[in-house]
Amino acid sequence: MTDESENAATNPEPYQVAFENEYVRIAHVSIAAGQAKPTYTPVAMPMVRVDLNTGRTQYVERLADANERADKAPVREIRVELKSAPRVAPLELDAVRIDPARYTVDFENDRVRIVRLGFGAREKGLMVSHPPRVLVTLTEVAVKLKFSDGRTDQRGAPAGLAAWLELETLQTENARDEPLQVVLVEPKSARGF
């Protein structure tokens, strides 16, 4: 193994694009404490940052604000760059409105709604609808799902994963003996959902 390939193996690329479509680009950011921060240019602004170390979310409008970080702390985050909003009719079973005990809004404006979802151990939620969105897992996730058409499914993911999900109406049950926490980043137009 050469010095260059050894360095690449121990210091992976700090910005890795995990997914991209016409609505969003999802980038995983991992920068070790003290590591020089390479230049990164998003394909779209604004963006949403989800800090995987603290669980905090941040809406960022300007590129200069996106790259400001302390050099002494490691950076582990998901960046969701907002390109455009999918067309979605108003949701009759909007999760935030139907089940506010589990779905709380961290931030909302005319471009995005950032929703924090939390379930207790083995807790089952109500039948709700979600617009197209990015799901970011803050804890390990194992869920049982029942969809509005009667179909069922089971899904799981480790903490720190981000994925694009389409419009869904479903009931979620936490299949773990520990609490579940995720962040939903819902791109929207000025018309809302």
Protein backbone atom coordinates (compact mmCIF):
# COMPACT_ATOMS: atom_id res chain seq x y z
CA MET A 1 0.00 0.00 0.00
CA THR A 2 1.38 3.43 -0.89
CA ASP A 3 1.51 6.39 1.48
CA GLU A 4 -1.24 8.08 -0.54
CA SER A 5 -3.61 5.09 -0.36
CA GLU A 6 -2.87 4.62 3.36
CA ASN A 7 -3.73 8.28 3.94
CA ALA A 8 -6.99 7.89 1.98
CA ALA A 9 -7.93 4.81 4.03
CA THR A 10 -7.35 6.56 7.38
CA ASN A 11 -8.68 9.97 6.27
CA PRO A 12 -11.72 9.41 4.04
CA GLU A 13 -13.07 12.30 1.99
CA PRO A 14 -14.62 14.78 4.44
CA TYR A 15 -17.61 15.52 2.14
CA GLN A 16 -19.36 12.54 0.59
CA VAL A 17 -22.49 12.93 -1.52
CA ALA A 18 -24.85 10.17 -0.41
CA PHE A 19 -27.85 10.99 -2.61
CA GLU A 20 -29.02 13.56 -5.12
CA ASN A 21 -32.24 14.14 -7.01
CA GLU A 22 -34.01 17.19 -8.47
CA TYR A 23 -35.08 18.33 -4.98
CA VAL A 24 -32.07 17.81 -2.68
CA ARG A 25 -28.46 16.79 -2.41
CA ILE A 26 -27.51 14.90 0.76
CA ALA A 27 -23.88 15.11 1.86
CA HIS A 28 -22.26 13.34 4.80
CA VAL A 29 -19.59 15.50 6.42
CA SER A 30 -16.90 14.01 8.64
CA ILE A 31 -13.93 16.16 9.62
CA ALA A 32 -11.57 15.12 12.42
CA ALA A 33 -10.64 17.62 15.13
CA GLY A 34 -7.79 19.75 13.88
CA GLN A 35 -8.12 18.51 10.29
CA ALA A 36 -7.91 21.25 7.67
CA LYS A 37 -11.31 21.89 6.17
CA PRO A 38 -11.25 21.53 2.40
CA THR A 39 -13.32 23.82 0.24
CA TYR A 40 -16.80 22.51 -0.42
CA THR A 41 -19.26 24.15 -2.78
CA PRO A 42 -22.87 23.03 -2.45
CA VAL A 43 -25.00 22.63 -5.58
CA ALA A 44 -27.78 24.63 -3.94
CA MET A 45 -28.48 27.01 -1.10
CA PRO A 46 -30.09 27.20 1.36
CA MET A 47 -29.18 24.03 3.22
CA VAL A 48 -30.06 22.27 6.44
CA ARG A 49 -27.31 20.96 8.71
CA VAL A 50 -27.99 18.13 11.14
CA ASP A 51 -25.19 17.76 13.70
CA LEU A 52 -24.83 14.04 14.40
CA ASN A 53 -22.83 14.70 17.59
CA THR A 54 -25.49 16.85 19.27
CA GLY A 55 -28.68 16.26 17.24
CA ARG A 56 -29.04 20.01 16.61
CA THR A 57 -30.44 21.28 13.34
CA GLN A 58 -29.58 24.53 11.57
CA TYR A 59 -31.05 26.28 8.54
CA VAL A 60 -28.27 28.01 6.58
CA GLU A 61 -28.95 30.59 3.85
CA ARG A 62 -25.40 31.73 3.00
CA LEU A 63 -22.42 29.61 2.02
CA ALA A 64 -20.13 31.55 4.37
CA ASP A 65 -22.27 30.40 7.32
CA ALA A 66 -22.16 26.78 6.16
CA ASN A 67 -18.38 26.54 6.36
CA GLU A 68 -17.88 28.23 9.74
CA ARG A 69 -16.85 25.61 12.30
CA ALA A 70 -14.46 25.49 15.25
CA ASP A 71 -11.22 23.71 14.34
CA LYS A 72 -10.88 21.97 17.72
CA ALA A 73 -14.03 19.85 17.59
CA PRO A 74 -14.73 17.02 15.16
CA VAL A 75 -17.54 17.61 12.66
CA ARG A 76 -20.05 14.84 11.94
CA GLU A 77 -23.10 16.10 10.15
CA ILE A 78 -25.58 15.60 7.38
CA ARG A 79 -26.07 18.51 4.97
CA VAL A 80 -29.28 18.68 2.98
CA GLU A 81 -28.94 21.16 0.13
CA LEU A 82 -32.38 22.39 -0.96
CA LYS A 83 -32.66 22.52 -4.74
CA SER A 84 -36.44 22.68 -5.32
CA ALA A 85 -39.68 21.48 -3.79
CA PRO A 86 -41.78 18.55 -4.94
CA ARG A 87 -45.37 19.37 -5.83
CA VAL A 88 -47.57 18.01 -3.07
CA ALA A 89 -51.26 18.57 -2.38
CA PRO A 90 -52.13 19.61 1.19
CA LEU A 91 -51.82 16.64 3.54
CA GLU A 92 -55.05 15.75 5.32
CA LEU A 93 -53.15 13.68 7.88
CA ASP A 94 -50.13 15.99 8.33
CA ALA A 95 -47.97 14.36 11.03
CA VAL A 96 -47.22 17.59 12.92
CA ARG A 97 -50.91 18.47 13.12
CA ILE A 98 -52.23 14.94 13.82
CA ASP A 99 -49.55 13.73 16.27
CA PRO A 100 -47.81 16.79 17.81
CA ALA A 101 -46.60 14.82 20.85
CA ARG A 102 -44.22 12.84 18.60
CA TYR A 103 -43.64 15.28 15.71
CA THR A 104 -42.31 18.72 16.66
CA VAL A 105 -41.14 21.50 14.36
CA ASP A 106 -37.52 22.59 14.89
CA PHE A 107 -37.70 25.24 12.16
CA GLU A 108 -40.04 26.29 9.35
CA ASN A 109 -40.04 28.90 6.61
CA ASP A 110 -41.19 29.10 2.98
CA ARG A 111 -38.40 26.71 1.79
CA VAL A 112 -38.33 23.94 4.37
CA ARG A 113 -39.87 22.43 7.47
CA ILE A 114 -37.52 20.62 9.84
CA VAL A 115 -39.38 18.13 12.03
CA ARG A 116 -38.03 16.16 14.97
CA LEU A 117 -39.67 12.77 15.47
CA GLY A 118 -39.37 10.85 18.72
CA PHE A 119 -40.86 7.55 19.86
CA GLY A 120 -40.45 5.85 23.21
CA ALA A 121 -39.45 2.20 23.48
CA ARG A 122 -42.00 -0.03 21.68
CA GLU A 123 -44.29 3.00 21.21
CA LYS A 124 -46.83 3.06 18.36
CA GLY A 125 -47.89 6.28 16.65
CA LEU A 126 -51.00 7.36 14.78
CA MET A 127 -51.72 7.01 11.05
CA VAL A 128 -50.10 10.14 9.54
CA SER A 129 -48.91 11.48 6.19
CA HIS A 130 -45.45 12.70 5.31
CA PRO A 131 -44.52 14.78 2.24
CA PRO A 132 -41.41 13.80 0.25
CA ARG A 133 -38.49 14.29 2.65
CA VAL A 134 -35.02 13.47 3.87
CA LEU A 135 -34.93 11.29 6.97
CA VAL A 136 -31.83 11.57 9.20
CA THR A 137 -31.43 8.95 11.93
CA LEU A 138 -30.08 10.29 15.22
CA THR A 139 -30.44 6.91 16.96
CA GLU A 140 -30.49 3.37 15.65
CA VAL A 141 -33.88 2.77 14.06
CA ALA A 142 -35.98 -0.38 13.78
CA VAL A 143 -39.64 0.21 12.98
CA LYS A 144 -42.76 -1.68 11.99
CA LEU A 145 -44.89 0.21 9.49
CA LYS A 146 -48.54 -0.13 8.52
CA PHE A 147 -49.54 1.79 5.40
CA SER A 148 -52.94 3.32 4.65
CA ASP A 149 -53.63 0.58 2.05
CA GLY A 150 -53.06 -2.18 4.65
CA ARG A 151 -49.54 -3.17 3.55
CA THR A 152 -46.94 -3.69 6.27
CA ASP A 153 -43.16 -3.40 6.27
CA GLN A 154 -40.20 -3.34 8.62
CA ARG A 155 -37.32 -0.92 8.20
CA GLY A 156 -34.09 -0.34 10.06
CA ALA A 157 -31.04 1.88 9.90
CA PRO A 158 -28.04 2.74 12.05
CA ALA A 159 -27.65 6.16 13.64
CA GLY A 160 -26.16 8.77 11.33
CA LEU A 161 -27.84 7.69 8.10
CA ALA A 162 -29.76 9.96 5.71
CA ALA A 163 -32.18 8.89 2.99
CA TRP A 164 -34.77 10.38 0.64
CA LEU A 165 -38.33 9.11 1.15
CA GLU A 166 -41.35 9.77 -1.04
CA LEU A 167 -44.87 10.80 0.06
CA GLU A 168 -46.27 8.22 2.48
CA THR A 169 -49.27 7.71 4.75
CA LEU A 170 -48.42 5.25 7.48
CA GLN A 171 -48.46 4.25 11.13
CA THR A 172 -45.06 3.76 12.75
CA GLU A 173 -44.19 1.52 15.67
CA ASN A 174 -40.76 1.61 17.33
CA ALA A 175 -39.63 -2.04 17.35
CA ARG A 176 -36.75 -1.36 19.76
CA ASP A 177 -36.54 -1.35 23.55
CA GLU A 178 -34.90 2.09 23.37
CA PRO A 179 -36.22 5.48 22.28
CA LEU A 180 -36.02 6.41 18.59
CA GLN A 181 -35.15 9.87 17.30
CA VAL A 182 -34.96 11.11 13.72
CA VAL A 183 -35.04 14.45 11.91
CA LEU A 184 -37.21 14.98 8.84
CA VAL A 185 -36.17 17.68 6.35
CA GLU A 186 -39.21 18.52 4.22
CA PRO A 187 -38.52 20.79 1.21
CA LYS A 188 -41.50 22.95 0.40
CA SER A 189 -42.63 25.73 -1.84
CA ALA A 190 -44.14 28.98 -0.60
CA ARG A 191 -47.54 27.24 -0.85
CA GLY A 192 -46.55 24.80 1.89
CA PHE A 193 -47.64 21.18 1.72
